[in-house]
Amino acid sequence: MSRTSERTSRAPQVAVELPGFTLAALRTGGETNPPVLLVPGWTGSKEDFGPILEPLGEAGYLVTAVDLRGQFRSPFRPDGDYSPIALGNDLQLAAAALGGSSARALVRGPGRASCSAC
């Protein structure tokens, strides 16, 4: 994570509460706006989306950028399972919590997060 990306967003840090675990996140935009879930690549973090968080929020979306389990500020998986299926299940729970079937996801970077979102 670069210090530059941390400084490029004023989006508040929030916790996305899911069954049995919590994901660290940044969120901006109106609560009634269509939800967008931003997912970093395997070695990234939610701060990678700093430059686009506020513009997306200002464009009329409720934008949530998450750290997947084991990334930056989110806890590790107790079972150690970071397979695309396990991460995909986490993303399904996050998308459901943020807007159900109306949630849109933007995945950045190569690796397991990209595969998990498919």
C-alpha atoms as a PDB file:
ATOM      1  CA  MET A   1       0.000   0.000   0.000  1.00  0.00           C
ATOM      2  CA  SER A   2       1.366   3.387  -0.866  1.00  0.00           C
ATOM      3  CA  ARG A   3       1.078   6.386   1.396  1.00  0.00           C
ATOM      4  CA  THR A   4       0.003   8.387  -1.671  1.00  0.00           C
ATOM      5  CA  SER A   5      -3.135   6.281  -2.143  1.00  0.00           C
ATOM      6  CA  GLU A   6      -3.966   6.682   1.564  1.00  0.00           C
ATOM      7  CA  ARG A   7      -3.886  10.463   1.175  1.00  0.00           C
ATOM      8  CA  THR A   8      -5.919  10.634  -2.019  1.00  0.00           C
ATOM      9  CA  SER A   9      -9.256   9.801  -0.416  1.00  0.00           C
ATOM     10  CA  ARG A  10     -11.205  11.442   2.375  1.00  0.00           C
ATOM     11  CA  ALA A  11     -13.625   8.503   2.434  1.00  0.00           C
ATOM     12  CA  PRO A  12     -14.285   7.339   5.986  1.00  0.00           C
ATOM     13  CA  GLN A  13     -13.099   3.963   7.206  1.00  0.00           C
ATOM     14  CA  VAL A  14     -16.004   1.642   7.971  1.00  0.00           C
ATOM     15  CA  ALA A  15     -16.505  -1.986   8.923  1.00  0.00           C
ATOM     16  CA  VAL A  16     -18.600  -4.258   6.727  1.00  0.00           C
ATOM     17  CA  GLU A  17     -20.167  -6.672   9.209  1.00  0.00           C
ATOM     18  CA  LEU A  18     -20.720 -10.119   7.712  1.00  0.00           C
ATOM     19  CA  PRO A  19     -21.743 -13.444   9.299  1.00  0.00           C
ATOM     20  CA  GLY A  20     -18.761 -14.483  11.408  1.00  0.00           C
ATOM     21  CA  PHE A  21     -16.288 -11.821  10.266  1.00  0.00           C
ATOM     22  CA  THR A  22     -15.780  -8.172   9.397  1.00  0.00           C
ATOM     23  CA  LEU A  23     -14.114  -6.570   6.382  1.00  0.00           C
ATOM     24  CA  ALA A  24     -12.297  -3.248   6.696  1.00  0.00           C
ATOM     25  CA  ALA A  25     -13.582  -0.787   4.114  1.00  0.00           C
ATOM     26  CA  LEU A  26     -13.719   2.781   2.853  1.00  0.00           C
ATOM     27  CA  ARG A  27     -17.137   4.158   1.905  1.00  0.00           C
ATOM     28  CA  THR A  28     -18.468   7.258   0.186  1.00  0.00           C
ATOM     29  CA  GLY A  29     -21.665   8.320  -1.546  1.00  0.00           C
ATOM     30  CA  GLY A  30     -25.315   8.477  -0.563  1.00  0.00           C
ATOM     31  CA  GLU A  31     -26.852   5.564   1.312  1.00  0.00           C
ATOM     32  CA  THR A  32     -29.754   5.403  -1.160  1.00  0.00           C
ATOM     33  CA  ASN A  33     -27.476   5.408  -4.237  1.00  0.00           C
ATOM     34  CA  PRO A  34     -26.820   2.220  -6.237  1.00  0.00           C
ATOM     35  CA  PRO A  35     -24.055   0.224  -4.513  1.00  0.00           C
ATOM     36  CA  VAL A  36     -20.648  -0.457  -6.044  1.00  0.00           C
ATOM     37  CA  LEU A  37     -18.175  -2.862  -4.418  1.00  0.00           C
ATOM     38  CA  LEU A  38     -14.485  -2.238  -5.182  1.00  0.00           C
ATOM     39  CA  VAL A  39     -12.214  -5.270  -4.740  1.00  0.00           C
ATOM     40  CA  PRO A  40      -8.416  -4.953  -4.824  1.00  0.00           C
ATOM     41  CA  GLY A  41      -6.031  -7.449  -6.360  1.00  0.00           C
ATOM     42  CA  TRP A  42      -4.396 -10.113  -4.203  1.00  0.00           C
ATOM     43  CA  THR A  43      -1.521  -7.907  -3.023  1.00  0.00           C
ATOM     44  CA  GLY A  44      -3.544  -4.694  -2.926  1.00  0.00           C
ATOM     45  CA  SER A  45      -5.822  -2.973  -0.462  1.00  0.00           C
ATOM     46  CA  LYS A  46      -8.876  -0.760  -0.370  1.00  0.00           C
ATOM     47  CA  GLU A  47      -6.590   2.276  -0.463  1.00  0.00           C
ATOM     48  CA  ASP A  48      -5.679   1.420  -4.063  1.00  0.00           C
ATOM     49  CA  PHE A  49      -9.051   2.915  -5.015  1.00  0.00           C
ATOM     50  CA  GLY A  50      -8.378   6.259  -3.299  1.00  0.00           C
ATOM     51  CA  PRO A  51      -8.287   8.319  -6.507  1.00  0.00           C
ATOM     52  CA  ILE A  52     -11.672   7.050  -7.755  1.00  0.00           C
ATOM     53  CA  LEU A  53     -13.707   6.678  -4.549  1.00  0.00           C
ATOM     54  CA  GLU A  54     -14.969  10.240  -4.305  1.00  0.00           C
ATOM     55  CA  PRO A  55     -15.569  10.754  -8.043  1.00  0.00           C
ATOM     56  CA  LEU A  56     -17.729   7.597  -8.081  1.00  0.00           C
ATOM     57  CA  GLY A  57     -19.594   8.749  -4.981  1.00  0.00           C
ATOM     58  CA  GLU A  58     -20.155  12.166  -6.531  1.00  0.00           C
ATOM     59  CA  ALA A  59     -21.396  10.452  -9.711  1.00  0.00           C
ATOM     60  CA  GLY A  60     -24.293   8.973  -7.740  1.00  0.00           C
ATOM     61  CA  TYR A  61     -23.066   5.665  -6.317  1.00  0.00           C
ATOM     62  CA  LEU A  62     -22.653   4.274  -2.820  1.00  0.00           C
ATOM     63  CA  VAL A  63     -19.050   3.129  -3.151  1.00  0.00           C
ATOM     64  CA  THR A  64     -17.439   0.619  -0.795  1.00  0.00           C
ATOM     65  CA  ALA A  65     -13.805  -0.463  -1.239  1.00  0.00           C
ATOM     66  CA  VAL A  66     -12.885  -3.485   0.889  1.00  0.00           C
ATOM     67  CA  ASP A  67      -9.825  -5.285   2.136  1.00  0.00           C
ATOM     68  CA  LEU A  68     -10.485  -8.995   1.642  1.00  0.00           C
ATOM     69  CA  ARG A  69      -9.742 -11.308   4.550  1.00  0.00           C
ATOM     70  CA  GLY A  70      -6.009 -11.324   5.169  1.00  0.00           C
ATOM     71  CA  GLN A  71      -5.437  -8.024   3.329  1.00  0.00           C
ATOM     72  CA  PHE A  72      -4.191  -4.917   5.161  1.00  0.00           C
ATOM     73  CA  ARG A  73      -6.770  -4.163   7.909  1.00  0.00           C
ATOM     74  CA  SER A  74      -9.118  -7.136   7.509  1.00  0.00           C
ATOM     75  CA  PRO A  75      -8.545 -10.199   9.708  1.00  0.00           C
ATOM     76  CA  PHE A  76      -7.027 -13.418   8.452  1.00  0.00           C
ATOM     77  CA  ARG A  77      -9.195 -16.458   7.743  1.00  0.00           C
ATOM     78  CA  PRO A  78      -8.990 -18.828  10.727  1.00  0.00           C
ATOM     79  CA  ASP A  79      -9.041 -21.840   8.393  1.00  0.00           C
ATOM     80  CA  GLY A  80      -6.271 -20.425   6.156  1.00  0.00           C
ATOM     81  CA  ASP A  81      -8.383 -21.030   3.039  1.00  0.00           C
ATOM     82  CA  TYR A  82      -7.665 -18.278   0.509  1.00  0.00           C
ATOM     83  CA  SER A  83      -8.815 -20.234  -2.517  1.00  0.00           C
ATOM     84  CA  PRO A  84     -10.797 -18.394  -5.208  1.00  0.00           C
ATOM     85  CA  ILE A  85     -13.920 -20.230  -4.034  1.00  0.00           C
ATOM     86  CA  ALA A  86     -13.483 -19.136  -0.389  1.00  0.00           C
ATOM     87  CA  LEU A  87     -12.766 -15.531  -1.379  1.00  0.00           C
ATOM     88  CA  GLY A  88     -15.662 -15.623  -3.842  1.00  0.00           C
ATOM     89  CA  ASN A  89     -17.981 -16.725  -1.043  1.00  0.00           C
ATOM     90  CA  ASP A  90     -16.782 -13.770   1.040  1.00  0.00           C
ATOM     91  CA  LEU A  91     -17.442 -11.428  -1.894  1.00  0.00           C
ATOM     92  CA  GLN A  92     -20.955 -12.823  -2.326  1.00  0.00           C
ATOM     93  CA  LEU A  93     -21.673 -12.106   1.337  1.00  0.00           C
ATOM     94  CA  ALA A  94     -20.238  -8.590   1.014  1.00  0.00           C
ATOM     95  CA  ALA A  95     -22.243  -7.849  -2.134  1.00  0.00           C
ATOM     96  CA  ALA A  96     -25.435  -9.114  -0.471  1.00  0.00           C
ATOM     97  CA  ALA A  97     -24.792  -6.962   2.608  1.00  0.00           C
ATOM     98  CA  LEU A  98     -24.163  -3.882   0.472  1.00  0.00           C
ATOM     99  CA  GLY A  99     -27.080  -4.122  -1.892  1.00  0.00           C
ATOM    100  CA  GLY A 100     -28.032  -7.633  -2.773  1.00  0.00           C
ATOM    101  CA  SER A 101     -28.437  -8.334  -6.457  1.00  0.00           C
ATOM    102  CA  SER A 102     -28.146  -4.648  -7.333  1.00  0.00           C
ATOM    103  CA  ALA A 103     -24.515  -4.407  -6.127  1.00  0.00           C
ATOM    104  CA  ARG A 104     -21.915  -3.961  -8.864  1.00  0.00           C
ATOM    105  CA  ALA A 105     -18.291  -5.025  -8.418  1.00  0.00           C
ATOM    106  CA  LEU A 106     -15.117  -3.519  -9.834  1.00  0.00           C
ATOM    107  CA  VAL A 107     -12.078  -5.730  -9.425  1.00  0.00           C
ATOM    108  CA  ARG A 108      -8.617  -4.304  -9.800  1.00  0.00           C
ATOM    109  CA  GLY A 109      -5.445  -6.215 -10.362  1.00  0.00           C
ATOM    110  CA  PRO A 110      -4.426  -9.754 -11.163  1.00  0.00           C
ATOM    111  CA  GLY A 111      -4.725 -12.721  -8.940  1.00  0.00           C
ATOM    112  CA  ARG A 112      -7.190 -14.477  -6.734  1.00  0.00           C
ATOM    113  CA  ALA A 113      -9.497 -11.530  -6.104  1.00  0.00           C
ATOM    114  CA  SER A 114     -10.083 -11.229  -9.837  1.00  0.00           C
ATOM    115  CA  CYS A 115     -10.783 -14.946 -10.161  1.00  0.00           C
ATOM    116  CA  SER A 116     -12.971 -14.951  -7.052  1.00  0.00           C
ATOM    117  CA  ALA A 117     -15.251 -12.239  -8.379  1.00  0.00           C
ATOM    118  CA  CYS A 118     -16.155 -14.224 -11.498  1.00  0.00           C
END
